[in-house]
Protein backbone atom coordinates (compact mmCIF):
# COMPACT_ATOMS: atom_id res chain seq x y z
CA MET A 1 0.00 0.00 0.00
CA ALA A 2 1.21 3.51 -0.84
CA THR A 3 2.36 5.94 1.82
CA ILE A 4 0.71 9.30 2.46
CA ALA A 5 3.60 11.09 0.73
CA GLU A 6 3.30 8.87 -2.37
CA LEU A 7 -0.46 9.47 -2.50
CA GLN A 8 0.11 13.23 -2.23
CA VAL A 9 2.59 13.17 -5.11
CA GLN A 10 0.14 11.16 -7.26
CA THR A 11 -2.69 13.53 -6.36
CA GLU A 12 -0.66 16.62 -7.26
CA GLY A 13 0.34 15.01 -10.56
CA LYS A 14 -3.30 14.30 -11.44
CA MET A 15 -4.27 17.88 -10.55
CA ASN A 16 -1.42 19.21 -12.72
CA ARG A 17 -2.67 17.09 -15.62
CA ALA A 18 -6.14 18.61 -15.17
CA ILE A 19 -4.62 22.11 -15.44
CA GLU A 20 -2.64 21.14 -18.56
CA ALA A 21 -5.75 19.61 -20.13
CA LEU A 22 -7.63 22.85 -19.46
CA ARG A 23 -4.87 24.92 -21.06
CA SER A 24 -4.91 22.62 -24.07
CA GLU A 25 -8.70 22.83 -24.37
CA LEU A 26 -8.64 26.63 -24.16
CA THR A 27 -6.21 26.96 -27.08
CA SER A 28 -9.01 25.79 -29.36
CA VAL A 29 -11.39 28.53 -28.15
CA ARG A 30 -11.27 31.24 -30.75
CA THR A 31 -10.35 34.74 -29.74
CA GLY A 32 -10.29 37.78 -32.03
CA ARG A 33 -6.76 36.95 -33.20
CA ALA A 34 -5.58 34.22 -35.54
CA THR A 35 -3.21 31.65 -34.07
CA PRO A 36 -1.97 28.32 -35.43
CA SER A 37 -3.17 26.60 -32.24
CA LEU A 38 -6.78 27.05 -33.45
CA LEU A 39 -6.13 24.14 -35.82
CA GLU A 40 -4.63 21.72 -33.25
CA ARG A 41 -7.93 19.91 -32.79
CA VAL A 42 -8.79 19.81 -36.51
CA MET A 43 -7.99 16.29 -37.72
CA VAL A 44 -7.53 15.19 -41.34
CA ASP A 45 -7.39 11.68 -42.73
CA TYR A 46 -3.71 11.21 -43.63
CA TYR A 47 -3.31 7.81 -45.25
CA GLY A 48 -5.94 6.31 -42.96
CA THR A 49 -4.66 7.96 -39.77
CA PRO A 50 -6.39 10.93 -38.11
CA THR A 51 -3.68 13.59 -38.01
CA SER A 52 -3.65 17.22 -36.87
CA VAL A 53 -3.56 19.82 -39.66
CA ASN A 54 -0.37 21.23 -38.08
CA GLN A 55 1.37 17.91 -38.84
CA VAL A 56 0.56 17.78 -42.56
CA ALA A 57 0.99 21.43 -43.50
CA ASN A 58 2.79 24.67 -42.75
CA VAL A 59 0.45 26.92 -40.78
CA SER A 60 1.30 30.61 -40.72
CA VAL A 61 -0.36 33.81 -39.54
CA PRO A 62 0.63 36.66 -41.91
CA GLU A 63 -2.05 39.02 -40.54
CA PRO A 64 -3.89 39.21 -37.20
CA ARG A 65 -7.11 37.88 -38.77
CA MET A 66 -5.77 35.40 -41.32
CA ILE A 67 -4.31 31.90 -41.20
CA ILE A 68 -2.59 30.40 -44.23
CA ILE A 69 -2.30 26.63 -44.51
CA GLN A 70 0.17 25.27 -47.05
CA PRO A 71 0.01 21.45 -47.22
CA TRP A 72 3.21 19.55 -47.85
CA GLU A 73 1.29 17.42 -50.35
CA LYS A 74 -1.15 19.01 -52.82
CA THR A 75 -3.46 16.00 -52.43
CA MET A 76 -4.17 17.09 -48.84
CA LEU A 77 -5.82 20.40 -49.86
CA LYS A 78 -9.31 18.90 -50.19
CA GLU A 79 -8.92 16.80 -47.01
CA ILE A 80 -7.85 19.83 -44.97
CA GLU A 81 -10.65 21.92 -46.43
CA LYS A 82 -13.24 19.25 -45.53
CA ALA A 83 -11.85 18.88 -42.01
CA ILE A 84 -12.05 22.64 -41.38
CA MET A 85 -15.64 22.76 -42.67
CA LYS A 86 -16.61 19.85 -40.34
CA SER A 87 -14.88 21.40 -37.30
CA ASP A 88 -16.64 23.63 -34.77
CA LEU A 89 -14.49 26.64 -35.68
CA GLY A 90 -17.18 28.16 -37.90
CA LEU A 91 -14.65 29.25 -40.54
CA ASN A 92 -14.91 29.01 -44.32
CA PRO A 93 -11.67 27.96 -46.00
CA ASN A 94 -10.64 29.63 -49.28
CA ASN A 95 -8.70 27.17 -51.44
CA ASP A 96 -6.70 28.64 -54.35
CA GLY A 97 -5.13 25.34 -55.44
CA THR A 98 -1.87 25.77 -53.51
CA VAL A 99 -2.82 27.19 -50.11
CA ILE A 100 -5.90 27.49 -47.94
CA ARG A 101 -6.70 30.87 -46.44
CA LEU A 102 -8.82 31.19 -43.32
CA ASN A 103 -10.16 34.67 -42.66
CA LEU A 104 -11.31 35.17 -39.09
CA PRO A 105 -14.24 37.56 -38.99
CA GLN A 106 -14.53 40.12 -36.23
CA LEU A 107 -16.34 38.49 -33.32
CA THR A 108 -19.69 40.02 -32.40
CA GLU A 109 -20.46 40.90 -28.80
CA ASP A 110 -22.94 38.00 -28.59
CA ARG A 111 -20.41 35.55 -29.99
CA ARG A 112 -17.82 36.75 -27.47
CA LYS A 113 -20.29 36.19 -24.61
CA ASP A 114 -21.03 32.68 -25.95
CA LEU A 115 -17.29 31.94 -26.07
CA VAL A 116 -16.90 33.16 -22.47
CA LYS A 117 -19.64 30.69 -21.47
CA VAL A 118 -17.69 27.92 -23.25
CA VAL A 119 -14.52 28.97 -21.39
CA HIS A 120 -16.34 28.90 -18.05
CA LYS A 121 -17.82 25.45 -18.84
CA LYS A 122 -14.35 24.08 -19.59
CA GLY A 123 -13.09 25.68 -16.36
CA GLU A 124 -15.88 24.13 -14.32
CA ASP A 125 -15.06 20.73 -15.85
CA ALA A 126 -11.44 21.19 -14.71
CA ARG A 127 -12.58 22.17 -11.20
CA VAL A 128 -14.70 19.01 -11.02
CA VAL A 129 -11.69 16.90 -12.02
CA VAL A 130 -9.55 18.53 -9.30
CA ARG A 131 -12.26 17.98 -6.68
CA ASN A 132 -12.68 14.34 -7.75
CA VAL A 133 -8.93 13.80 -7.37
CA ARG A 134 -9.12 15.29 -3.87
CA ARG A 135 -12.02 12.97 -3.00
CA GLU A 136 -10.07 9.93 -4.26
CA PHE A 137 -7.11 10.97 -2.09
CA ASN A 138 -9.31 11.49 0.98
CA ASP A 139 -11.00 8.11 0.44
CA ALA A 140 -7.62 6.39 0.23
CA ILE A 141 -6.50 8.11 3.43
CA LYS A 142 -9.68 7.04 5.27
CA LYS A 143 -9.15 3.45 4.14
CA MET A 144 -5.61 3.59 5.51
CA GLU A 145 -6.94 4.87 8.84
CA LYS A 146 -9.60 2.10 9.02
CA ALA A 147 -6.88 -0.45 8.33
CA LYS A 148 -4.95 1.07 11.27
CA LEU A 149 -2.01 1.97 8.99
CA ILE A 150 -2.12 5.64 10.04
CA THR A 151 -3.41 7.58 13.05
CA GLU A 152 -6.37 9.91 13.24
CA ASP A 153 -4.00 12.89 13.47
CA GLU A 154 -2.19 11.83 10.29
CA THR A 155 -5.56 11.50 8.56
CA LYS A 156 -6.56 15.00 9.65
CA GLU A 157 -3.23 16.47 8.52
CA ALA A 158 -3.39 14.68 5.15
CA THR A 159 -6.96 15.79 4.42
CA ASP A 160 -6.08 19.39 5.41
CA ASN A 161 -3.11 19.27 3.03
CA SER A 162 -5.28 17.89 0.22
CA GLN A 163 -7.74 20.75 0.75
CA LYS A 164 -4.90 23.31 0.58
CA LEU A 165 -3.65 21.68 -2.62
CA THR A 166 -7.17 21.70 -4.08
CA ASP A 167 -7.60 25.39 -3.19
CA LYS A 168 -4.28 26.19 -4.89
CA PHE A 169 -5.28 24.41 -8.11
CA ILE A 170 -8.78 25.93 -8.13
CA LYS A 171 -7.12 29.36 -7.79
CA ASP A 172 -4.83 28.50 -10.73
CA ILE A 173 -7.86 27.49 -12.81
CA ASP A 174 -9.61 30.76 -11.93
CA GLY A 175 -6.52 32.71 -13.03
CA ILE A 176 -6.33 30.84 -16.34
CA LEU A 177 -10.04 31.46 -16.95
CA ALA A 178 -9.78 35.16 -16.12
CA HIS A 179 -6.88 35.51 -18.58
CA LYS A 180 -8.76 33.68 -21.34
CA GLU A 181 -11.94 35.69 -20.70
CA THR A 182 -9.96 38.91 -21.06
CA GLU A 183 -8.45 37.58 -24.27
CA VAL A 184 -11.85 36.64 -25.70
CA MET A 185 -13.56 39.90 -24.73
CA ALA A 186 -10.73 42.11 -26.11
CA VAL A 187 -11.86 43.83 -29.28
């Protein structure tokens, strides 16, 4: 059976992964500016394997509201175009036979508010993950106490520490969300 210290390390690792997953999810939320990370979740069929657009083409941002995608193989143009149309980005690709241009329209106030709701939903999902990890830790500690492997005082100290860790990660999530909300609402 794991020690309290080992459980704490595992718990912190799981909470860190929740934060990283949130950051990754938020890169796909569109702000007013074009960035290559918008296409990270757009998958194309590359010889039977779902592959990110970034791995089959050069993605550049020549202007703040434009993304240019230049596939390494001309045969991928149609595949990339289809994948972008199917994605939830809401962008229309312009294919000129050699490159695909994505023009990002100015976001309306309503669309910005909708995106903020999406950001908050993703943040709440991350908070739930962090709280579930804390609950798993606390359950493991209580089992150890019932099995007489640790004392009541050690249980109390461990659960207090897990709450402090949870509070720290929830605060980190709130900071990430506030930053992303500012980014989305900036005109």
